[in-house]
Amino acid sequence: MNHRGIDFTVAKTAIPGVWQWEFCIGDQVKSGKTETKIDLLAIRRVQLRIDRELKALARKTA
């Protein structure tokens, strides 16, 4: 999937209701897990995380 030019993945784990996610911004790889039964909510949470990381990166370079 793609959000604001950043490719990311969201995948179910063996544990019901837990999703594994990962994305890269430059050389930095971010990954983690989120707990929800709804797949679209898991995707949205990763998109919000990407937004936070991009905002933090913009503040560093400004």
PDB file of N, CA and C in Angstrom:
ATOM      1  N   MET A   1       0.840  -1.167   0.000  1.00  0.00           N
ATOM      2  CA  MET A   1       0.000   0.000   0.000  1.00  0.00           C
ATOM      3  C   MET A   1       0.891   1.238   0.000  1.00  0.00           C
ATOM      4  N   ASN A   2       0.305   2.377  -0.263  1.00  0.00           N
ATOM      5  CA  ASN A   2       1.067   3.606  -0.343  1.00  0.00           C
ATOM      6  C   ASN A   2       0.278   4.730   0.331  1.00  0.00           C
ATOM      7  N   HIS A   3       0.993   5.542   1.120  1.00  0.00           N
ATOM      8  CA  HIS A   3       0.393   6.705   1.773  1.00  0.00           C
ATOM      9  C   HIS A   3       1.400   7.838   1.715  1.00  0.00           C
ATOM     10  N   ARG A   4       1.028   8.923   1.053  1.00  0.00           N
ATOM     11  CA  ARG A   4       1.888  10.097   0.899  1.00  0.00           C
ATOM     12  C   ARG A   4       3.262   9.749   0.310  1.00  0.00           C
ATOM     13  N   GLY A   5       3.267   8.802  -0.611  1.00  0.00           N
ATOM     14  CA  GLY A   5       4.508   8.419  -1.270  1.00  0.00           C
ATOM     15  C   GLY A   5       5.347   7.412  -0.502  1.00  0.00           C
ATOM     16  N   ILE A   6       4.868   6.942   0.629  1.00  0.00           N
ATOM     17  CA  ILE A   6       5.578   5.972   1.457  1.00  0.00           C
ATOM     18  C   ILE A   6       4.883   4.617   1.315  1.00  0.00           C
ATOM     19  N   ASP A   7       5.636   3.611   0.882  1.00  0.00           N
ATOM     20  CA  ASP A   7       5.087   2.262   0.795  1.00  0.00           C
ATOM     21  C   ASP A   7       5.064   1.636   2.184  1.00  0.00           C
ATOM     22  N   PHE A   8       3.972   0.944   2.499  1.00  0.00           N
ATOM     23  CA  PHE A   8       3.874   0.273   3.789  1.00  0.00           C
ATOM     24  C   PHE A   8       3.121  -1.031   3.642  1.00  0.00           C
ATOM     25  N   THR A   9       3.327  -1.917   4.611  1.00  0.00           N
ATOM     26  CA  THR A   9       2.631  -3.196   4.629  1.00  0.00           C
ATOM     27  C   THR A   9       1.922  -3.364   5.968  1.00  0.00           C
ATOM     28  N   VAL A  10       0.786  -4.020   5.911  1.00  0.00           N
ATOM     29  CA  VAL A  10       0.033  -4.396   7.102  1.00  0.00           C
ATOM     30  C   VAL A  10      -0.391  -5.839   6.891  1.00  0.00           C
ATOM     31  N   ALA A  11      -0.064  -6.696   7.855  1.00  0.00           N
ATOM     32  CA  ALA A  11      -0.379  -8.119   7.701  1.00  0.00           C
ATOM     33  C   ALA A  11      -0.900  -8.688   9.018  1.00  0.00           C
ATOM     34  N   LYS A  12      -1.812  -9.648   8.911  1.00  0.00           N
ATOM     35  CA  LYS A  12      -2.314 -10.353  10.092  1.00  0.00           C
ATOM     36  C   LYS A  12      -1.189 -11.190  10.687  1.00  0.00           C
ATOM     37  N   THR A  13      -1.237 -11.367  11.996  1.00  0.00           N
ATOM     38  CA  THR A  13      -0.311 -12.279  12.654  1.00  0.00           C
ATOM     39  C   THR A  13      -1.073 -13.540  13.041  1.00  0.00           C
ATOM     40  N   ALA A  14      -0.380 -14.473  13.647  1.00  0.00           N
ATOM     41  CA  ALA A  14      -1.032 -15.710  14.090  1.00  0.00           C
ATOM     42  C   ALA A  14      -1.993 -15.445  15.253  1.00  0.00           C
ATOM     43  N   ILE A  15      -1.792 -14.329  15.933  1.00  0.00           N
ATOM     44  CA  ILE A  15      -2.654 -13.962  17.058  1.00  0.00           C
ATOM     45  C   ILE A  15      -3.857 -13.193  16.518  1.00  0.00           C
ATOM     46  N   PRO A  16      -5.068 -13.645  16.778  1.00  0.00           N
ATOM     47  CA  PRO A  16      -6.251 -12.937  16.282  1.00  0.00           C
ATOM     48  C   PRO A  16      -6.323 -11.502  16.796  1.00  0.00           C
ATOM     49  N   GLY A  17      -6.590 -10.569  15.893  1.00  0.00           N
ATOM     50  CA  GLY A  17      -6.742  -9.178  16.270  1.00  0.00           C
ATOM     51  C   GLY A  17      -5.445  -8.399  16.368  1.00  0.00           C
ATOM     52  N   VAL A  18      -4.325  -9.012  16.012  1.00  0.00           N
ATOM     53  CA  VAL A  18      -3.032  -8.324  16.048  1.00  0.00           C
ATOM     54  C   VAL A  18      -2.487  -8.237  14.628  1.00  0.00           C
ATOM     55  N   TRP A  19      -2.051  -7.041  14.257  1.00  0.00           N
ATOM     56  CA  TRP A  19      -1.548  -6.775  12.908  1.00  0.00           C
ATOM     57  C   TRP A  19      -0.103  -6.306  12.979  1.00  0.00           C
ATOM     58  N   GLN A  20       0.731  -6.808  12.081  1.00  0.00           N
ATOM     59  CA  GLN A  20       2.127  -6.396  11.962  1.00  0.00           C
ATOM     60  C   GLN A  20       2.222  -5.373  10.840  1.00  0.00           C
ATOM     61  N   TRP A  21       2.954  -4.274  11.063  1.00  0.00           N
ATOM     62  CA  TRP A  21       3.093  -3.248  10.029  1.00  0.00           C
ATOM     63  C   TRP A  21       4.558  -2.861   9.874  1.00  0.00           C
ATOM     64  N   GLU A  22       4.861  -2.285   8.693  1.00  0.00           N
ATOM     65  CA  GLU A  22       6.227  -1.843   8.416  1.00  0.00           C
ATOM     66  C   GLU A  22       6.217  -0.810   7.302  1.00  0.00           C
ATOM     67  N   PHE A  23       7.085   0.204   7.437  1.00  0.00           N
ATOM     68  CA  PHE A  23       7.292   1.178   6.374  1.00  0.00           C
ATOM     69  C   PHE A  23       8.705   1.728   6.471  1.00  0.00           C
ATOM     70  N   CYS A  24       9.181   2.327   5.379  1.00  0.00           N
ATOM     71  CA  CYS A  24      10.521   2.913   5.313  1.00  0.00           C
ATOM     72  C   CYS A  24      10.402   4.370   4.899  1.00  0.00           C
ATOM     73  N   ILE A  25      11.139   5.226   5.608  1.00  0.00           N
ATOM     74  CA  ILE A  25      11.286   6.625   5.210  1.00  0.00           C
ATOM     75  C   ILE A  25      12.787   6.846   5.090  1.00  0.00           C
ATOM     76  N   GLY A  26      13.254   6.987   3.862  1.00  0.00           N
ATOM     77  CA  GLY A  26      14.686   7.101   3.638  1.00  0.00           C
ATOM     78  C   GLY A  26      15.374   5.801   4.022  1.00  0.00           C
ATOM     79  N   ASP A  27      16.389   5.896   4.872  1.00  0.00           N
ATOM     80  CA  ASP A  27      17.115   4.709   5.339  1.00  0.00           C
ATOM     81  C   ASP A  27      16.477   4.085   6.568  1.00  0.00           C
ATOM     82  N   GLN A  28      15.534   4.791   7.157  1.00  0.00           N
ATOM     83  CA  GLN A  28      14.951   4.378   8.422  1.00  0.00           C
ATOM     84  C   GLN A  28      13.752   3.450   8.206  1.00  0.00           C
ATOM     85  N   VAL A  29      13.819   2.258   8.806  1.00  0.00           N
ATOM     86  CA  VAL A  29      12.728   1.285   8.733  1.00  0.00           C
ATOM     87  C   VAL A  29      11.978   1.321  10.058  1.00  0.00           C
ATOM     88  N   LYS A  30      10.682   1.509   9.981  1.00  0.00           N
ATOM     89  CA  LYS A  30       9.826   1.510  11.165  1.00  0.00           C
ATOM     90  C   LYS A  30       8.912   0.300  11.075  1.00  0.00           C
ATOM     91  N   SER A  31       8.760  -0.405  12.189  1.00  0.00           N
ATOM     92  CA  SER A  31       7.857  -1.554  12.200  1.00  0.00           C
ATOM     93  C   SER A  31       7.249  -1.686  13.585  1.00  0.00           C
ATOM     94  N   GLY A  32       6.156  -2.399  13.645  1.00  0.00           N
ATOM     95  CA  GLY A  32       5.499  -2.602  14.922  1.00  0.00           C
ATOM     96  C   GLY A  32       4.238  -3.418  14.770  1.00  0.00           C
ATOM     97  N   LYS A  33       3.461  -3.434  15.836  1.00  0.00           N
ATOM     98  CA  LYS A  33       2.206  -4.180  15.854  1.00  0.00           C
ATOM     99  C   LYS A  33       1.110  -3.260  16.363  1.00  0.00           C
ATOM    100  N   THR A  34      -0.096  -3.525  15.911  1.00  0.00           N
ATOM    101  CA  THR A  34      -1.266  -2.817  16.422  1.00  0.00           C
ATOM    102  C   THR A  34      -2.355  -3.849  16.677  1.00  0.00           C
ATOM    103  N   GLU A  35      -3.171  -3.565  17.668  1.00  0.00           N
ATOM    104  CA  GLU A  35      -4.210  -4.517  18.050  1.00  0.00           C
ATOM    105  C   GLU A  35      -5.579  -3.962  17.711  1.00  0.00           C
ATOM    106  N   THR A  36      -6.259  -4.619  16.784  1.00  0.00           N
ATOM    107  CA  THR A  36      -7.626  -4.272  16.405  1.00  0.00           C
ATOM    108  C   THR A  36      -8.207  -5.425  15.604  1.00  0.00           C
ATOM    109  N   LYS A  37      -9.500  -5.585  15.648  1.00  0.00           N
ATOM    110  CA  LYS A  37     -10.146  -6.639  14.868  1.00  0.00           C
ATOM    111  C   LYS A  37     -10.495  -6.169  13.460  1.00  0.00           C
ATOM    112  N   ILE A  38     -10.423  -4.862  13.225  1.00  0.00           N
ATOM    113  CA  ILE A  38     -10.839  -4.288  11.945  1.00  0.00           C
ATOM    114  C   ILE A  38      -9.606  -3.957  11.104  1.00  0.00           C
ATOM    115  N   ASP A  39      -9.517  -4.551   9.923  1.00  0.00           N
ATOM    116  CA  ASP A  39      -8.338  -4.344   9.077  1.00  0.00           C
ATOM    117  C   ASP A  39      -8.169  -2.895   8.627  1.00  0.00           C
ATOM    118  N   LEU A  40      -9.264  -2.224   8.328  1.00  0.00           N
ATOM    119  CA  LEU A  40      -9.165  -0.823   7.893  1.00  0.00           C
ATOM    120  C   LEU A  40      -8.659   0.090   9.009  1.00  0.00           C
ATOM    121  N   LEU A  41      -8.975  -0.236  10.238  1.00  0.00           N
ATOM    122  CA  LEU A  41      -8.476   0.545  11.369  1.00  0.00           C
ATOM    123  C   LEU A  41      -6.968   0.341  11.525  1.00  0.00           C
ATOM    124  N   ALA A  42      -6.496  -0.865  11.317  1.00  0.00           N
ATOM    125  CA  ALA A  42      -5.057  -1.137  11.376  1.00  0.00           C
ATOM    126  C   ALA A  42      -4.329  -0.325  10.309  1.00  0.00           C
ATOM    127  N   ILE A  43      -4.880  -0.281   9.111  1.00  0.00           N
ATOM    128  CA  ILE A  43      -4.288   0.498   8.018  1.00  0.00           C
ATOM    129  C   ILE A  43      -4.283   1.978   8.377  1.00  0.00           C
ATOM    130  N   ARG A  44      -5.371   2.478   8.909  1.00  0.00           N
ATOM    131  CA  ARG A  44      -5.463   3.893   9.272  1.00  0.00           C
ATOM    132  C   ARG A  44      -4.440   4.261  10.334  1.00  0.00           C
ATOM    133  N   ARG A  45      -4.238   3.384  11.297  1.00  0.00           N
ATOM    134  CA  ARG A  45      -3.253   3.647  12.348  1.00  0.00           C
ATOM    135  C   ARG A  45      -1.844   3.757  11.774  1.00  0.00           C
ATOM    136  N   VAL A  46      -1.526   2.929  10.794  1.00  0.00           N
ATOM    137  CA  VAL A  46      -0.210   3.016  10.154  1.00  0.00           C
ATOM    138  C   VAL A  46      -0.100   4.320   9.364  1.00  0.00           C
ATOM    139  N   GLN A  47      -1.156   4.711   8.688  1.00  0.00           N
ATOM    140  CA  GLN A  47      -1.138   5.975   7.948  1.00  0.00           C
ATOM    141  C   GLN A  47      -0.908   7.152   8.889  1.00  0.00           C
ATOM    142  N   LEU A  48      -1.536   7.133  10.045  1.00  0.00           N
ATOM    143  CA  LEU A  48      -1.327   8.197  11.031  1.00  0.00           C
ATOM    144  C   LEU A  48       0.104   8.189  11.550  1.00  0.00           C
ATOM    145  N   ARG A  49       0.671   7.017  11.722  1.00  0.00           N
ATOM    146  CA  ARG A  49       2.072   6.913  12.164  1.00  0.00           C
ATOM    147  C   ARG A  49       3.005   7.491  11.106  1.00  0.00           C
ATOM    148  N   ILE A  50       2.729   7.204   9.838  1.00  0.00           N
ATOM    149  CA  ILE A  50       3.527   7.763   8.740  1.00  0.00           C
ATOM    150  C   ILE A  50       3.434   9.284   8.760  1.00  0.00           C
ATOM    151  N   ASP A  51       2.237   9.809   8.942  1.00  0.00           N
ATOM    152  CA  ASP A  51       2.058  11.267   9.017  1.00  0.00           C
ATOM    153  C   ASP A  51       2.896  11.869  10.136  1.00  0.00           C
ATOM    154  N   ARG A  52       2.901  11.233  11.316  1.00  0.00           N
ATOM    155  CA  ARG A  52       3.697  11.731  12.447  1.00  0.00           C
ATOM    156  C   ARG A  52       5.187  11.717  12.124  1.00  0.00           C
ATOM    157  N   GLU A  53       5.653  10.647  11.504  1.00  0.00           N
ATOM    158  CA  GLU A  53       7.074  10.536  11.171  1.00  0.00           C
ATOM    159  C   GLU A  53       7.477  11.587  10.128  1.00  0.00           C
ATOM    160  N   LEU A  54       6.629  11.799   9.136  1.00  0.00           N
ATOM    161  CA  LEU A  54       6.928  12.806   8.113  1.00  0.00           C
ATOM    162  C   LEU A  54       6.943  14.209   8.721  1.00  0.00           C
ATOM    163  N   LYS A  55       6.023  14.473   9.641  1.00  0.00           N
ATOM    164  CA  LYS A  55       5.967  15.784  10.297  1.00  0.00           C
ATOM    165  C   LYS A  55       7.223  16.003  11.147  1.00  0.00           C
ATOM    166  N   ALA A  56       7.653  14.979  11.856  1.00  0.00           N
ATOM    167  CA  ALA A  56       8.867  15.084  12.679  1.00  0.00           C
ATOM    168  C   ALA A  56      10.093  15.294  11.798  1.00  0.00           C
ATOM    169  N   LEU A  57      10.144  14.622  10.665  1.00  0.00           N
ATOM    170  CA  LEU A  57      11.255  14.779   9.735  1.00  0.00           C
ATOM    171  C   LEU A  57      11.286  16.191   9.152  1.00  0.00           C
ATOM    172  N   ALA A  58      10.124  16.754   8.863  1.00  0.00           N
ATOM    173  CA  ALA A  58      10.037  18.106   8.322  1.00  0.00           C
ATOM    174  C   ALA A  58      10.524  19.126   9.352  1.00  0.00           C
ATOM    175  N   ARG A  59      10.220  18.894  10.629  1.00  0.00           N
ATOM    176  CA  ARG A  59      10.678  19.808  11.679  1.00  0.00           C
ATOM    177  C   ARG A  59      12.189  19.751  11.835  1.00  0.00           C
ATOM    178  N   LYS A  60      12.780  18.564  11.681  1.00  0.00           N
ATOM    179  CA  LYS A  60      14.231  18.426  11.796  1.00  0.00           C
ATOM    180  C   LYS A  60      14.954  19.153  10.684  1.00  0.00           C
ATOM    181  N   THR A  61      14.413  19.084   9.482  1.00  0.00           N
ATOM    182  CA  THR A  61      15.090  19.688   8.325  1.00  0.00           C
ATOM    183  C   THR A  61      14.822  21.180   8.215  1.00  0.00           C
ATOM    184  N   ALA A  62      13.811  21.682   8.921  1.00  0.00           N
ATOM    185  CA  ALA A  62      13.493  23.117   8.838  1.00  0.00           C
ATOM    186  C   ALA A  62      14.410  23.962   9.692  1.00  0.00           C
TER     187      ALA A  62
END
